[in-house]
Amino acid sequence: MLKDYLKQSSFQFEEKYVDQDEAAKEEMMHDSGGFLGVPFTVIVKDDGSKETIVGFDKGRIDKILQIYN
């Protein structure tokens, strides 16, 4: 659902396979405070700060990305 939504909205994204990539898993654990569920989304803002979203929270994604459209 999340991938389809981002593709439909024409947002660029990078998909990481935390079950196959130890560095990606460590990055996710750091950014999430230890959460290992998917989907887990990190939105990096222009100023370098990050917004993290657990699960497919369309409302929150829309709110954050609307600033950058």
C-alpha atoms as a PDB file:
ATOM      1  CA  MET A   1       0.000   0.000   0.000  1.00  0.00           C
ATOM      2  CA  LEU A   2       2.682   2.518   0.983  1.00  0.00           C
ATOM      3  CA  LYS A   3       4.852   1.901  -2.096  1.00  0.00           C
ATOM      4  CA  ASP A   4       1.846   2.161  -4.393  1.00  0.00           C
ATOM      5  CA  TYR A   5       0.731   5.369  -2.709  1.00  0.00           C
ATOM      6  CA  LEU A   6       4.160   6.997  -3.005  1.00  0.00           C
ATOM      7  CA  LYS A   7       4.502   5.939  -6.654  1.00  0.00           C
ATOM      8  CA  GLN A   8       1.028   7.275  -7.435  1.00  0.00           C
ATOM      9  CA  SER A   9       1.925  10.553  -5.727  1.00  0.00           C
ATOM     10  CA  SER A  10       5.182  10.808  -7.751  1.00  0.00           C
ATOM     11  CA  PHE A  11       7.410  10.951  -4.672  1.00  0.00           C
ATOM     12  CA  GLN A  12      10.877   9.490  -4.918  1.00  0.00           C
ATOM     13  CA  PHE A  13      11.694   6.917  -2.289  1.00  0.00           C
ATOM     14  CA  GLU A  14      14.302   4.342  -1.440  1.00  0.00           C
ATOM     15  CA  GLU A  15      13.212   0.905  -0.333  1.00  0.00           C
ATOM     16  CA  LYS A  16      15.505  -0.939   2.066  1.00  0.00           C
ATOM     17  CA  TYR A  17      15.269  -4.623   2.926  1.00  0.00           C
ATOM     18  CA  VAL A  18      16.080  -4.772   6.625  1.00  0.00           C
ATOM     19  CA  ASP A  19      15.788  -8.565   6.643  1.00  0.00           C
ATOM     20  CA  GLN A  20      18.621  -8.802   4.093  1.00  0.00           C
ATOM     21  CA  ASP A  21      20.782  -5.742   4.861  1.00  0.00           C
ATOM     22  CA  GLU A  22      22.344  -5.472   8.314  1.00  0.00           C
ATOM     23  CA  ALA A  23      23.314  -1.792   7.830  1.00  0.00           C
ATOM     24  CA  ALA A  24      19.723  -0.931   6.866  1.00  0.00           C
ATOM     25  CA  LYS A  25      18.467  -2.836   9.908  1.00  0.00           C
ATOM     26  CA  GLU A  26      20.813  -0.907  12.214  1.00  0.00           C
ATOM     27  CA  GLU A  27      19.740   2.389  10.624  1.00  0.00           C
ATOM     28  CA  MET A  28      16.090   1.498  11.148  1.00  0.00           C
ATOM     29  CA  MET A  29      16.667   0.519  14.768  1.00  0.00           C
ATOM     30  CA  HIS A  30      18.460   3.817  15.375  1.00  0.00           C
ATOM     31  CA  ASP A  31      15.800   5.951  13.672  1.00  0.00           C
ATOM     32  CA  SER A  32      12.876   4.047  15.204  1.00  0.00           C
ATOM     33  CA  GLY A  33      14.144   3.656  18.741  1.00  0.00           C
ATOM     34  CA  GLY A  34      14.321  -0.121  18.344  1.00  0.00           C
ATOM     35  CA  PHE A  35      11.142  -0.770  16.341  1.00  0.00           C
ATOM     36  CA  LEU A  36      11.556  -3.473  13.689  1.00  0.00           C
ATOM     37  CA  GLY A  37       8.119  -3.586  12.058  1.00  0.00           C
ATOM     38  CA  VAL A  38       7.340  -2.560   8.516  1.00  0.00           C
ATOM     39  CA  PRO A  39       6.437  -0.357   6.892  1.00  0.00           C
ATOM     40  CA  PHE A  40       8.621   2.149   8.656  1.00  0.00           C
ATOM     41  CA  THR A  41       9.049   5.446   6.844  1.00  0.00           C
ATOM     42  CA  VAL A  42      11.692   8.108   7.319  1.00  0.00           C
ATOM     43  CA  ILE A  43      11.113  11.445   5.608  1.00  0.00           C
ATOM     44  CA  VAL A  44      14.218  13.614   5.492  1.00  0.00           C
ATOM     45  CA  LYS A  45      13.381  17.307   5.320  1.00  0.00           C
ATOM     46  CA  ASP A  46      15.394  19.939   3.467  1.00  0.00           C
ATOM     47  CA  ASP A  47      17.056  20.990   6.724  1.00  0.00           C
ATOM     48  CA  GLY A  48      18.231  17.403   7.351  1.00  0.00           C
ATOM     49  CA  SER A  49      15.762  16.700  10.156  1.00  0.00           C
ATOM     50  CA  LYS A  50      13.781  13.473  10.004  1.00  0.00           C
ATOM     51  CA  GLU A  51      10.135  12.568  10.483  1.00  0.00           C
ATOM     52  CA  THR A  52       9.449   8.904  11.198  1.00  0.00           C
ATOM     53  CA  ILE A  53       6.181   7.073  10.627  1.00  0.00           C
ATOM     54  CA  VAL A  54       5.292   3.585  11.830  1.00  0.00           C
ATOM     55  CA  GLY A  55       2.831   1.766   9.591  1.00  0.00           C
ATOM     56  CA  PHE A  56       0.923   3.244   6.682  1.00  0.00           C
ATOM     57  CA  ASP A  57      -0.424   6.470   8.175  1.00  0.00           C
ATOM     58  CA  LYS A  58      -1.707   8.208   5.038  1.00  0.00           C
ATOM     59  CA  GLY A  59      -2.932  11.260   6.931  1.00  0.00           C
ATOM     60  CA  ARG A  60       0.433  11.877   8.561  1.00  0.00           C
ATOM     61  CA  ILE A  61       2.333  11.205   5.337  1.00  0.00           C
ATOM     62  CA  ASP A  62       0.105  13.663   3.475  1.00  0.00           C
ATOM     63  CA  LYS A  63       0.579  16.295   6.166  1.00  0.00           C
ATOM     64  CA  ILE A  64       4.372  16.019   6.125  1.00  0.00           C
ATOM     65  CA  LEU A  65       4.842  15.763   2.346  1.00  0.00           C
ATOM     66  CA  GLN A  66       2.393  18.541   1.569  1.00  0.00           C
ATOM     67  CA  ILE A  67       5.024  20.997   2.763  1.00  0.00           C
ATOM     68  CA  TYR A  68       7.418  19.740   0.084  1.00  0.00           C
ATOM     69  CA  ASN A  69       5.055  19.526  -2.913  1.00  0.00           C
END
